[in-house]
Protein backbone atom coordinates (compact mmCIF):
# COMPACT_ATOMS: atom_id res chain seq x y z
CA MET A 1 10.76 98.70 -10.10
CA GLU A 2 12.83 98.22 -13.25
CA GLU A 3 15.10 101.11 -12.25
CA GLN A 4 15.59 99.56 -8.81
CA GLN A 5 16.50 96.22 -10.37
CA ILE A 6 19.06 97.87 -12.65
CA TRP A 7 20.67 99.58 -9.65
CA ILE A 8 20.81 96.25 -7.80
CA TYR A 9 22.45 94.41 -10.70
CA VAL A 10 24.98 97.21 -11.22
CA ILE A 11 26.04 97.67 -7.59
CA VAL A 12 26.04 93.95 -6.69
CA GLY A 13 27.85 93.17 -9.97
CA ILE A 14 30.54 95.77 -9.29
CA THR A 15 31.16 94.50 -5.75
CA PHE A 16 31.36 90.88 -6.94
CA ALA A 17 33.83 91.88 -9.65
CA ILE A 18 35.97 93.61 -7.00
CA TYR A 19 35.97 90.52 -4.76
CA ILE A 20 36.92 88.19 -7.60
CA GLY A 21 39.58 90.61 -8.85
CA ILE A 22 41.15 90.78 -5.39
CA ALA A 23 41.14 86.98 -5.11
CA ILE A 24 43.01 86.72 -8.42
CA TRP A 25 45.48 89.44 -7.41
CA ALA A 26 46.12 87.86 -4.00
CA LYS A 27 46.26 84.23 -5.11
CA ALA A 28 47.73 81.92 -2.46
CA GLY A 29 50.93 80.29 -3.66
CA SER A 30 51.89 78.44 -0.48
CA THR A 31 50.23 76.83 2.53
CA LYS A 32 51.31 79.82 4.66
CA ASP A 33 49.58 82.15 2.18
CA PHE A 34 46.54 79.89 2.16
CA TYR A 35 46.20 79.52 5.94
CA VAL A 36 47.51 82.83 7.37
CA ALA A 37 47.98 85.16 4.37
CA GLY A 38 51.76 84.81 4.67
CA GLY A 39 51.67 86.46 8.12
CA GLY A 40 52.25 89.90 6.63
CA VAL A 41 48.93 91.78 6.79
CA PRO A 42 49.18 95.32 8.33
CA PRO A 43 47.27 95.65 11.65
CA ALA A 44 44.76 98.26 10.41
CA LEU A 45 43.81 96.17 7.37
CA ASN A 46 43.68 93.03 9.49
CA GLY A 47 41.39 94.86 11.93
CA MET A 48 39.08 95.74 9.06
CA ALA A 49 39.17 92.18 7.69
CA THR A 50 38.53 90.80 11.19
CA ALA A 51 35.52 93.10 11.57
CA ALA A 52 34.11 91.85 8.24
CA ASP A 53 34.84 88.24 9.23
CA TRP A 54 33.16 88.85 12.56
CA MET A 55 30.12 90.84 11.38
CA SER A 56 28.29 88.14 9.55
CA ALA A 57 24.84 87.93 8.03
CA ALA A 58 23.64 87.63 11.62
CA SER A 59 25.04 91.07 12.47
CA PHE A 60 24.04 92.81 9.24
CA ILE A 61 20.78 91.11 8.31
CA SER A 62 19.29 89.43 11.35
CA MET A 63 20.47 91.09 14.56
CA ALA A 64 18.53 94.34 14.12
CA GLY A 65 15.51 92.25 13.11
CA LEU A 66 15.68 90.32 16.38
CA VAL A 67 16.14 93.51 18.40
CA SER A 68 13.29 95.12 16.44
CA MET A 69 10.87 92.35 17.40
CA MET A 70 12.28 91.42 20.83
CA GLY A 71 13.04 94.95 22.04
CA TYR A 72 15.02 95.00 25.27
CA ASP A 73 15.52 91.23 25.24
CA GLY A 74 17.29 91.47 21.87
CA SER A 75 20.09 93.41 23.56
CA VAL A 76 21.63 90.07 24.58
CA TYR A 77 23.01 89.79 21.03
CA LEU A 78 24.58 93.25 21.21
CA MET A 79 26.09 92.69 24.65
CA GLY A 80 27.23 89.14 24.03
CA TRP A 81 28.90 89.66 20.66
CA THR A 82 30.67 92.93 21.52
CA GLY A 83 31.67 91.81 25.01
CA GLY A 84 32.94 88.54 23.61
CA TYR A 85 35.26 90.28 21.24
CA VAL A 86 36.82 92.23 24.13
CA LEU A 87 37.30 88.94 25.95
CA LEU A 88 38.96 87.43 22.89
CA ALA A 89 41.26 90.41 22.32
CA LEU A 90 42.42 90.62 25.95
CA LEU A 91 42.56 87.02 27.16
CA LEU A 92 43.24 84.80 24.16
CA ALA A 93 44.48 86.34 20.94
CA PRO A 94 47.96 87.56 22.02
CA TYR A 95 48.77 84.31 23.84
CA LEU A 96 47.60 82.08 21.01
CA ARG A 97 49.57 84.25 18.58
CA LYS A 98 52.68 83.86 20.68
CA PHE A 99 52.11 80.11 20.96
CA GLY A 100 52.45 80.08 17.16
CA LYS A 101 49.74 77.58 16.17
CA PHE A 102 47.38 79.02 13.59
CA THR A 103 44.41 76.69 14.08
CA VAL A 104 42.59 75.85 17.30
CA PRO A 105 43.04 72.07 16.81
CA ASP A 106 46.77 72.73 16.24
CA PHE A 107 46.94 74.60 19.56
CA VAL A 108 44.95 71.90 21.36
CA GLY A 109 47.09 69.12 19.87
CA ALA A 110 50.36 70.80 20.85
CA ARG A 111 49.27 72.13 24.26
CA TYR A 112 47.72 68.81 25.29
CA TYR A 113 50.43 66.67 23.63
CA SER A 114 47.78 64.37 22.22
CA GLN A 115 46.55 63.34 18.79
CA THR A 116 43.25 62.35 20.41
CA ALA A 117 42.82 65.89 21.76
CA ARG A 118 43.65 67.24 18.30
CA MET A 119 41.05 64.97 16.67
CA VAL A 120 38.34 65.97 19.16
CA ALA A 121 39.20 69.63 18.48
CA VAL A 122 38.98 69.00 14.71
CA ILE A 123 35.50 67.51 15.16
CA CYS A 124 34.45 70.47 17.34
CA ALA A 125 35.84 73.00 14.84
CA ILE A 126 34.04 71.40 11.93
CA PHE A 127 30.78 71.05 13.88
CA VAL A 128 30.83 74.68 15.06
CA SER A 129 31.88 76.05 11.67
CA PHE A 130 29.21 74.13 9.76
CA THR A 131 26.51 75.36 12.14
CA TYR A 132 27.75 78.95 11.72
CA VAL A 133 28.19 78.80 7.95
CA ALA A 134 24.65 77.43 7.52
CA GLY A 135 23.38 80.72 8.94
CA GLN A 136 25.51 82.67 6.46
CA MET A 137 24.28 80.69 3.47
CA ARG A 138 20.71 81.23 4.66
CA GLY A 139 21.46 84.98 4.72
CA VAL A 140 22.81 84.82 1.18
CA GLY A 141 19.66 83.01 0.06
CA VAL A 142 17.39 85.61 1.68
CA VAL A 143 19.20 88.49 -0.05
CA PHE A 144 19.27 86.82 -3.46
CA SER A 145 15.66 85.65 -3.25
CA ARG A 146 14.45 89.21 -2.85
CA PHE A 147 16.87 91.38 -4.76
CA LEU A 148 17.71 89.11 -7.69
CA GLN A 149 14.16 87.74 -7.74
CA VAL A 150 15.09 84.08 -7.49
CA ASP A 151 14.02 81.51 -4.92
CA ILE A 152 16.10 80.98 -1.78
CA THR A 153 17.52 77.67 -3.05
CA THR A 154 18.85 79.31 -6.23
CA GLY A 155 20.18 82.21 -4.16
CA VAL A 156 22.14 79.88 -1.89
CA ILE A 157 23.63 78.10 -4.92
CA ILE A 158 24.72 81.40 -6.55
CA GLY A 159 26.26 82.63 -3.28
CA SER A 160 28.04 79.31 -2.78
CA ALA A 161 29.60 79.57 -6.22
CA ILE A 162 30.97 83.07 -5.48
CA VAL A 163 32.43 82.02 -2.12
CA PHE A 164 33.88 78.88 -3.68
CA PHE A 165 35.79 80.91 -6.25
CA TYR A 166 37.61 83.35 -4.02
CA SER A 167 38.06 80.94 -1.08
CA VAL A 168 39.57 78.15 -3.15
CA PHE A 169 41.60 80.49 -5.32
CA GLY A 170 42.93 82.98 -2.80
CA GLY A 171 42.89 81.13 0.52
CA MET A 172 43.39 83.35 3.59
CA LYS A 173 45.45 85.82 1.57
CA GLY A 174 42.66 86.37 -0.95
CA ILE A 175 39.98 86.24 1.75
CA THR A 176 41.75 88.84 3.93
CA TYR A 177 41.98 91.50 1.26
CA THR A 178 38.52 90.63 -0.04
CA GLN A 179 37.18 91.13 3.49
CA VAL A 180 38.73 94.60 3.66
CA ALA A 181 36.64 95.54 0.61
CA GLN A 182 33.60 93.77 2.05
CA TYR A 183 33.87 95.71 5.31
CA CYS A 184 33.80 99.00 3.41
CA VAL A 185 30.77 97.83 1.42
CA LEU A 186 28.77 96.43 4.34
CA MET A 187 29.46 99.36 6.68
CA PHE A 188 28.59 101.97 4.06
CA ALA A 189 25.46 99.99 3.18
CA TYR A 190 24.41 99.82 6.83
CA ALA A 191 25.13 103.44 7.71
CA VAL A 192 23.62 105.26 4.72
CA PRO A 193 19.99 104.09 5.12
CA ALA A 194 20.27 104.43 8.91
CA ILE A 195 21.27 108.09 8.49
CA PHE A 196 18.48 108.77 5.98
CA ILE A 197 15.83 107.16 8.19
CA SER A 198 17.11 108.88 11.34
CA ILE A 199 16.76 112.24 9.60
CA ALA A 200 13.26 111.36 8.37
CA ILE A 201 11.97 110.20 11.78
CA THR A 202 13.88 112.41 14.24
CA GLY A 203 15.64 115.09 12.21
CA ASN A 204 18.98 113.91 13.64
CA PRO A 205 21.55 112.60 11.11
CA ILE A 206 23.35 110.45 13.71
CA PRO A 207 21.28 107.28 14.25
CA GLN A 208 22.72 106.59 17.70
CA LEU A 209 21.58 110.05 18.87
CA GLY A 210 18.36 109.88 16.86
CA MET A 211 17.24 106.85 18.86
CA GLY A 212 17.35 108.99 22.01
CA SER A 213 15.75 112.07 20.52
CA PHE A 214 12.22 113.11 19.58
CA THR A 215 9.88 112.37 16.68
CA GLU A 216 8.10 115.06 14.65
CA ASP A 217 5.23 115.34 17.16
CA GLY A 218 7.67 116.02 20.03
CA THR A 219 7.37 112.55 21.62
CA PRO A 220 10.59 110.74 22.63
CA LEU A 221 11.18 108.04 20.02
CA LEU A 222 11.28 105.10 22.44
CA GLU A 223 8.20 106.38 24.27
CA LYS A 224 6.35 106.56 20.95
CA LEU A 225 7.49 103.04 20.06
CA ASN A 226 6.34 101.74 23.45
CA GLY A 227 2.92 103.28 22.77
CA LEU A 228 2.67 101.78 19.28
CA VAL A 229 3.53 98.22 20.34
CA THR A 230 1.36 98.21 23.48
CA GLU A 231 -1.61 99.37 21.39
CA LEU A 232 -1.12 96.17 19.37
CA GLY A 233 -0.98 93.93 22.43
CA PHE A 234 2.79 93.53 22.61
CA ALA A 235 4.81 94.15 25.76
CA GLU A 236 6.61 97.50 25.95
CA TYR A 237 9.61 97.66 23.63
CA THR A 238 11.88 98.71 26.50
CA ALA A 239 10.54 96.09 28.96
CA GLN A 240 12.35 92.89 29.93
CA LYS A 241 10.31 89.84 28.96
CA LYS A 242 12.80 86.97 29.16
CA ALA A 243 13.83 85.41 32.46
CA THR A 244 16.92 87.14 33.86
CA ILE A 245 18.82 83.86 34.04
CA ASP A 246 18.16 83.25 30.34
CA ILE A 247 19.36 86.74 29.41
CA MET A 248 22.54 86.13 31.43
CA ALA A 249 23.02 82.66 29.92
CA ILE A 250 22.61 83.83 26.31
CA THR A 251 24.92 86.81 26.86
CA LEU A 252 27.57 84.61 28.47
CA ALA A 253 27.28 81.94 25.76
CA LEU A 254 27.71 84.54 23.04
CA MET A 255 30.67 86.13 24.85
CA VAL A 256 32.68 83.00 25.54
CA GLY A 257 31.55 81.48 22.25
CA THR A 258 33.13 84.45 20.52
CA ALA A 259 36.38 83.76 22.30
CA GLY A 260 36.27 80.17 21.09
CA LEU A 261 35.37 80.78 17.46
CA PRO A 262 38.15 79.32 15.32
CA HIS A 263 37.58 81.58 12.28
CA VAL A 264 38.15 84.73 14.39
CA ILE A 265 41.16 83.37 16.28
CA VAL A 266 43.04 82.50 13.08
CA ARG A 267 42.91 86.16 12.00
CA PHE A 268 45.51 87.03 14.64
CA PHE A 269 48.09 84.91 12.82
CA THR A 270 47.92 86.98 9.65
CA VAL A 271 49.89 89.90 11.18
CA PRO A 272 53.71 89.96 11.50
CA LYS A 273 54.08 90.23 15.31
CA VAL A 274 52.31 89.54 18.60
CA LYS A 275 52.21 93.29 19.21
CA ASP A 276 50.44 93.69 15.87
CA ALA A 277 47.83 91.12 16.98
CA ARG A 278 46.93 93.37 19.92
CA ILE A 279 46.83 96.48 17.73
CA SER A 280 44.68 94.83 15.07
CA ALA A 281 42.28 93.67 17.81
CA GLY A 282 41.89 97.31 18.86
CA TYR A 283 41.21 98.39 15.28
CA ALA A 284 38.70 95.58 14.82
CA LEU A 285 36.79 96.58 17.96
CA VAL A 286 36.44 100.16 16.68
CA PHE A 287 35.28 98.98 13.24
CA ILE A 288 32.80 96.56 14.84
CA ALA A 289 31.46 99.19 17.25
CA ILE A 290 30.41 101.46 14.36
CA LEU A 291 27.82 98.91 13.22
CA TYR A 292 26.89 97.56 16.65
CA THR A 293 26.05 100.99 18.06
CA THR A 294 23.95 101.72 14.97
CA ALA A 295 21.94 98.47 15.10
CA PRO A 296 19.61 99.39 18.03
CA ALA A 297 18.60 102.59 16.24
CA VAL A 298 17.98 100.71 12.98
CA ALA A 299 15.84 98.20 14.90
CA ALA A 300 13.71 100.90 16.54
CA PHE A 301 13.25 102.84 13.27
CA ALA A 302 12.27 99.65 11.44
CA ARG A 303 9.61 98.67 14.00
CA ILE A 304 8.01 102.14 13.87
CA ASN A 305 8.06 102.20 10.07
CA LEU A 306 6.59 98.70 9.79
CA ILE A 307 3.70 99.39 12.18
CA GLN A 308 2.84 102.74 10.64
CA THR A 309 3.06 101.43 7.08
CA VAL A 310 1.03 98.21 7.18
CA ASP A 311 -1.12 97.98 10.32
CA ASN A 312 -4.85 98.24 9.53
CA VAL A 313 -4.07 99.12 5.89
CA ALA A 314 -6.13 97.67 3.05
CA TYR A 315 -4.22 94.85 1.40
CA ASP A 316 -4.91 96.20 -2.09
CA GLN A 317 -3.34 99.53 -1.06
CA VAL A 318 -0.05 98.26 0.43
CA PRO A 319 3.17 99.66 -1.07
CA GLY A 320 5.04 97.80 -3.80
CA TRP A 321 7.76 96.55 -1.46
CA PHE A 322 5.19 94.52 0.50
CA LYS A 323 4.13 92.52 -2.56
CA THR A 324 7.76 92.00 -3.61
CA TRP A 325 8.76 90.51 -0.25
CA GLU A 326 5.53 88.52 -0.26
CA GLU A 327 6.52 86.98 -3.59
CA ALA A 328 9.83 85.98 -1.98
CA ASP A 329 7.74 84.18 0.70
CA LEU A 330 9.30 86.32 3.45
CA ILE A 331 6.12 88.25 4.29
CA LYS A 332 2.79 86.45 4.58
CA PHE A 333 -0.71 87.95 4.83
CA ASN A 334 -3.64 85.76 5.84
CA ASP A 335 -6.96 87.63 5.85
CA LYS A 336 -8.58 85.71 8.69
CA ASN A 337 -11.70 87.88 9.05
CA GLY A 338 -12.12 88.63 5.34
CA ASP A 339 -12.26 92.44 5.69
CA GLY A 340 -9.34 93.08 3.35
CA LEU A 341 -7.42 94.99 6.06
CA ILE A 342 -4.11 93.86 7.57
CA GLN A 343 -4.51 93.25 11.30
CA TYR A 344 -1.04 93.10 12.83
CA TYR A 345 -1.21 92.47 16.57
CA ASN A 346 -0.24 90.06 19.33
CA ASP A 347 -3.02 87.50 19.34
CA LYS A 348 -1.11 85.55 22.03
CA SER A 349 -1.32 88.46 24.46
CA THR A 350 -2.33 87.65 28.04
CA ASP A 351 -4.02 91.03 28.42
CA GLU A 352 -7.71 90.07 28.54
CA GLU A 353 -8.85 93.68 28.12
CA PHE A 354 -6.86 94.05 24.90
CA LEU A 355 -8.08 90.70 23.54
CA ALA A 356 -11.67 91.70 24.30
CA LYS A 357 -11.19 94.92 22.31
CA ALA A 358 -9.66 92.94 19.43
CA ALA A 359 -12.62 90.55 19.42
CA ALA A 360 -15.06 93.47 19.49
CA LYS A 361 -13.39 94.85 16.34
CA GLY A 362 -13.95 91.55 14.59
CA TRP A 363 -10.29 90.52 14.57
CA LYS A 364 -9.77 86.76 14.40
CA GLY A 365 -6.01 86.56 14.92
CA ASN A 366 -2.80 88.16 13.72
CA GLU A 367 -2.77 88.31 9.91
CA LEU A 368 0.80 89.38 9.21
CA ASP A 369 3.86 87.14 9.45
CA VAL A 370 7.18 88.95 8.86
CA ASP A 371 10.44 86.99 8.55
CA LEU A 372 12.85 88.63 11.02
CA ASP A 373 15.69 88.30 8.52
CA ILE A 374 14.19 90.95 6.23
CA ILE A 375 13.88 93.85 8.69
CA VAL A 376 17.19 95.51 7.74
CA LEU A 377 16.91 94.59 4.06
CA ALA A 378 13.37 95.92 3.71
CA ASN A 379 13.92 99.01 5.88
CA PRO A 380 15.05 101.32 3.03
CA GLU A 381 12.03 100.34 0.94
CA ILE A 382 9.63 100.76 3.87
CA ALA A 383 11.10 104.25 4.42
CA ASP A 384 10.79 104.97 0.65
CA LEU A 385 14.51 105.68 0.17
CA PRO A 386 16.13 106.05 -3.30
CA ASN A 387 16.71 102.92 -5.38
CA TRP A 388 20.49 103.19 -5.18
CA VAL A 389 20.28 102.94 -1.36
CA ILE A 390 18.14 99.79 -1.65
CA ALA A 391 20.72 98.31 -4.05
CA LEU A 392 23.52 99.27 -1.66
CA VAL A 393 21.84 97.39 1.19
CA ALA A 394 21.57 94.30 -1.01
CA ALA A 395 25.32 94.49 -1.71
CA GLY A 396 26.03 95.03 2.01
CA GLY A 397 23.99 92.03 3.08
CA LEU A 398 25.82 89.83 0.60
CA ALA A 399 29.20 91.23 1.69
CA ALA A 400 28.43 90.43 5.34
CA ALA A 401 27.32 86.88 4.63
CA LEU A 402 30.03 86.05 2.11
CA SER A 403 32.92 87.46 4.18
CA THR A 404 32.10 85.31 7.21
CA ALA A 405 31.25 82.25 5.12
CA ALA A 406 34.69 82.44 3.51
CA GLY A 407 36.45 82.64 6.88
CA LEU A 408 34.49 79.68 8.23
CA LEU A 409 35.13 77.57 5.15
CA LEU A 410 38.84 78.24 5.53
CA VAL A 411 38.67 76.94 9.12
CA ILE A 412 36.99 73.77 7.87
CA SER A 413 39.61 73.30 5.13
CA SER A 414 42.54 73.91 7.50
CA SER A 415 41.03 71.51 10.06
CA VAL A 416 40.81 68.80 7.41
CA ALA A 417 44.00 69.44 5.42
CA HIS A 418 46.38 70.69 8.13
CA ASP A 419 45.13 69.10 11.36
CA LEU A 420 43.61 65.87 10.09
CA ILE A 421 45.68 64.95 7.02
CA LYS A 422 49.05 66.70 7.62
CA ASN A 423 49.25 66.11 11.37
CA ASN A 424 47.51 62.73 11.54
CA LEU A 425 46.87 60.68 8.44
CA ASN A 426 49.77 61.63 6.17
CA PRO A 427 52.57 63.62 7.88
CA ASN A 428 54.77 63.31 4.76
CA ILE A 429 52.30 65.00 2.42
CA SER A 430 53.91 67.65 0.22
CA GLU A 431 52.98 71.32 0.49
CA LYS A 432 51.36 71.10 -2.95
CA GLY A 433 49.35 68.07 -1.84
CA GLU A 434 48.24 69.78 1.37
CA LEU A 435 47.15 72.84 -0.62
CA LEU A 436 45.13 70.61 -2.96
CA ALA A 437 43.53 68.84 0.02
CA ALA A 438 42.61 72.21 1.57
CA ARG A 439 40.95 73.37 -1.65
CA LEU A 440 39.04 70.11 -2.11
CA SER A 441 37.80 70.25 1.48
CA ILE A 442 36.51 73.80 0.93
CA GLY A 443 34.57 72.57 -2.12
CA THR A 444 33.04 69.72 -0.13
CA ALA A 445 32.26 72.02 2.80
CA ILE A 446 30.46 74.51 0.55
CA ILE A 447 28.16 71.78 -0.78
CA ILE A 448 27.22 70.68 2.76
CA ALA A 449 26.86 74.28 3.96
CA ALA A 450 24.61 75.10 1.00
CA TYR A 451 22.31 72.22 1.96
CA PHE A 452 21.92 73.56 5.50
CA GLY A 453 21.49 77.07 4.12
CA ILE A 454 18.52 75.81 2.11
CA HIS A 455 17.11 73.86 5.09
CA PRO A 456 18.02 75.97 8.16
CA PRO A 457 16.67 75.17 11.64
CA ASP A 458 15.89 78.83 12.50
CA TYR A 459 16.49 82.51 11.70
CA VAL A 460 20.02 83.51 10.71
CA ALA A 461 20.93 85.06 14.08
CA ALA A 462 19.43 82.12 15.98
CA VAL A 463 21.41 79.57 13.93
CA VAL A 464 24.56 81.62 14.55
CA ALA A 465 23.75 81.77 18.28
CA PHE A 466 23.74 77.95 18.32
CA ALA A 467 27.25 77.98 16.81
CA PHE A 468 28.42 80.32 19.55
CA GLY A 469 26.90 78.04 22.18
CA LEU A 470 28.71 75.05 20.72
CA ALA A 471 32.01 76.98 20.64
CA ALA A 472 31.49 78.13 24.24
CA ALA A 473 30.81 74.59 25.45
CA SER A 474 33.65 72.90 23.56
CA PHE A 475 36.60 75.21 22.81
CA PHE A 476 36.61 78.00 25.36
CA PRO A 477 37.48 75.98 28.49
CA ALA A 478 40.18 74.01 26.64
CA ILE A 479 41.78 77.21 25.30
CA ILE A 480 41.51 79.35 28.44
CA MET A 481 42.80 76.61 30.76
CA GLY A 482 45.44 75.67 28.21
CA ILE A 483 46.82 79.20 28.61
CA PHE A 484 46.27 79.88 32.32
CA TYR A 485 46.20 76.49 34.09
CA LYS A 486 49.45 74.48 33.96
CA ARG A 487 47.89 71.42 35.62
CA MET A 488 45.35 71.01 32.80
CA ASN A 489 46.22 67.79 30.95
CA SER A 490 45.09 65.98 27.82
CA TYR A 491 42.66 63.66 29.64
CA GLY A 492 40.79 66.58 31.13
CA ALA A 493 40.73 68.55 27.88
CA VAL A 494 39.38 65.63 25.83
CA ALA A 495 36.74 64.65 28.41
CA GLY A 496 35.63 68.27 28.89
CA MET A 497 35.31 69.02 25.16
CA ILE A 498 33.31 65.86 24.51
CA VAL A 499 30.92 66.45 27.44
CA GLY A 500 30.41 70.13 26.59
CA LEU A 501 29.84 69.56 22.87
CA VAL A 502 27.57 66.53 23.24
CA PHE A 503 25.40 68.08 25.95
CA THR A 504 24.96 71.41 24.14
CA ALA A 505 24.33 69.86 20.72
CA ALA A 506 21.83 67.38 22.18
CA TYR A 507 19.91 70.15 23.98
CA ILE A 508 19.73 72.33 20.84
CA ILE A 509 18.75 69.42 18.57
CA TYR A 510 16.10 68.22 21.04
CA PHE A 511 14.31 71.57 21.33
CA LYS A 512 14.94 73.12 17.92
CA ILE A 513 14.84 70.15 15.54
CA ALA A 514 13.45 66.98 17.14
CA PHE A 515 10.65 68.44 19.30
CA PRO A 516 10.17 72.15 18.50
CA GLU A 517 6.67 72.07 20.00
CA LEU A 518 8.32 71.54 23.43
CA ASN A 519 10.55 74.60 23.04
CA VAL A 520 8.93 76.69 25.78
CA GLU A 521 10.34 78.03 29.02
CA GLU A 522 8.62 75.55 31.33
CA ASN A 523 10.46 72.70 29.59
CA TRP A 524 13.93 74.29 29.62
CA TRP A 525 16.56 73.40 32.19
CA PHE A 526 16.72 76.23 34.76
CA SER A 527 14.67 78.41 32.32
CA ILE A 528 17.65 78.53 29.92
CA SER A 529 16.74 78.55 26.22
CA PRO A 530 18.64 76.63 23.49
CA GLU A 531 20.33 79.92 22.51
CA GLY A 532 21.88 80.18 25.98
CA ILE A 533 22.51 76.52 26.83
CA GLY A 534 26.15 76.80 25.75
CA SER A 535 26.79 78.55 29.09
CA LEU A 536 25.71 75.45 30.98
CA GLY A 537 27.66 73.24 28.58
CA MET A 538 30.74 75.37 29.26
CA ILE A 539 30.31 74.96 33.03
CA PHE A 540 30.03 71.18 32.62
CA ASN A 541 33.18 71.29 30.47
CA PHE A 542 35.12 73.21 33.13
CA ILE A 543 33.99 70.87 35.92
CA VAL A 544 34.76 67.68 33.99
CA SER A 545 38.11 69.02 32.76
CA ILE A 546 39.31 70.06 36.21
CA VAL A 547 38.11 66.88 37.94
CA VAL A 548 39.60 64.53 35.32
CA SER A 549 42.88 66.49 35.23
CA SER A 550 43.20 66.34 39.02
CA LEU A 551 42.71 62.57 38.99
CA THR A 552 45.22 61.85 36.22
CA PRO A 553 48.97 62.51 35.79
CA PRO A 554 50.04 66.15 35.27
CA PRO A 555 51.32 67.35 31.89
CA PRO A 556 55.04 66.87 31.07
CA MET A 557 57.34 69.59 32.44
CA ASP A 558 58.18 70.91 28.98
CA VAL A 559 54.46 71.58 28.38
CA GLN A 560 54.14 73.28 31.77
CA ASN A 561 57.17 75.44 30.97
CA LEU A 562 55.65 76.30 27.60
CA VAL A 563 52.43 77.43 29.30
CA GLU A 564 54.49 79.57 31.65
CA ASP A 565 56.45 81.06 28.75
CA ILE A 566 53.54 82.16 26.55
CA ARG A 567 52.16 84.37 29.32
CA LEU A 568 55.38 86.35 29.67
CA PRO A 569 55.61 89.68 27.82
CA ARG A 570 59.06 88.96 26.45
CA GLY A 571 59.33 87.60 22.94
CA ALA A 572 56.62 89.88 21.60
CA GLY A 573 58.33 89.95 18.23
CA GLU A 574 58.09 87.06 15.77
CA ALA A 575 56.00 84.20 17.11
CA VAL A 576 57.18 80.64 17.25
CA GLY A 577 57.28 79.06 13.81
CA HIS A 578 54.57 76.78 12.61
């Protein structure tokens, strides 16, 4: 274990030194550097940085864990997040880039010719970003708590300090080039153990193909996994368990939420031209697809390894990794029948025959509780891979969480400094003063985000899903109709954003925080879970926006002409100035 710890300190230390070094090298000297990296990032590098910004702790740490435990139903995260990025790249990014406003509240304020609309958008941006960044800080805490052997609270504080340094110092310029390095780290860290485990289980070095191939005994991998989970009282791994409407709602919320996420949209302003925004979107999709096509295989391998390693094994004979994660309070064993063996099964199964067999064996309930956020992080240890691979995964998990946290914190700082102070409270503020305000707001945001990272409402991916739902219900209709619907006016935009945000936030808070005991399908509206309620909030937003706009005066002609102009292909060179 000492050798493993040395590897972890060395690899994590080297990656942190690289990030800090890049932040110093790429220090932001102006507000343009701080907000949009000076607008001079090459498309390929911006695509890589966008991928790192996009693939958060939810993608790296938690998504495969959810798929591993949910099986088929977990595919909503894969479909929603990848499909959403396509939607963003095709429908929004080029037009917003041509419009020339580098924050969503800036776009909303200009398009809807209203300071009220801008203020509502600022509130939405901050609300969404804080929800999202809480998930990232939770991910940082999980990684630190296990690999640096500190508690989650200390881990969140250490991670916050690192993000604070390169966000405040480098702004978007420092963050962009740091994220290029973080993408390389996180992707390498994700792929290497996946390849090793694929070879060990299926003999195929390509995880995506390994998932569809055979295990050592000649059984198709997914067929074997179905057999293993059904023997433990779970539904088949490949079977649909959620209501179809909920699967559709979650997928849609994740897709349109992606298109409304302010920290991803701002990335398209860091390239020189509108054409480059399209090209960098293509690069980003390729870089994202590498991890997203690997995740289902990682999930399946992890579930097989976990079952075969711990089920019905004597507690005093479990491998060292089990005790280590147990010390981090991320695995819990409760010997309910006192036989010293770990009984891992679905004690909530509705299969009476299975439950009768379990009772006949003397089982008194499931005895193993595994935090879903550790599946990817523990996978190399469960598969008994070399220590340097385990250390690499630790560095990758931190890279994923820190890269997205930095992008989100920049959105919060730009919303406060640029949209609230510069465009509302103090229009005459100097560039130096605005830069100082942006840096102070990042510092404040990190403190608040750290608190929610220490006290999160759910797993990392679930917290992130709430952020997507909030973005879907608030921003997406205002942005999409701002581009494609000339009649959309400020009254409709403001009313729609407020209704969408309030409804979605209230639904999530009610079921996930205020009354979690009521969070079951029979209590949900139309069988839609809190993770998918953003879809309904978005529909309410669209309806309210269109109705209110139709009952109030149309936008000024210059705004209507502007909407017409940004959809034309001409002018695909330099965008309008800020």
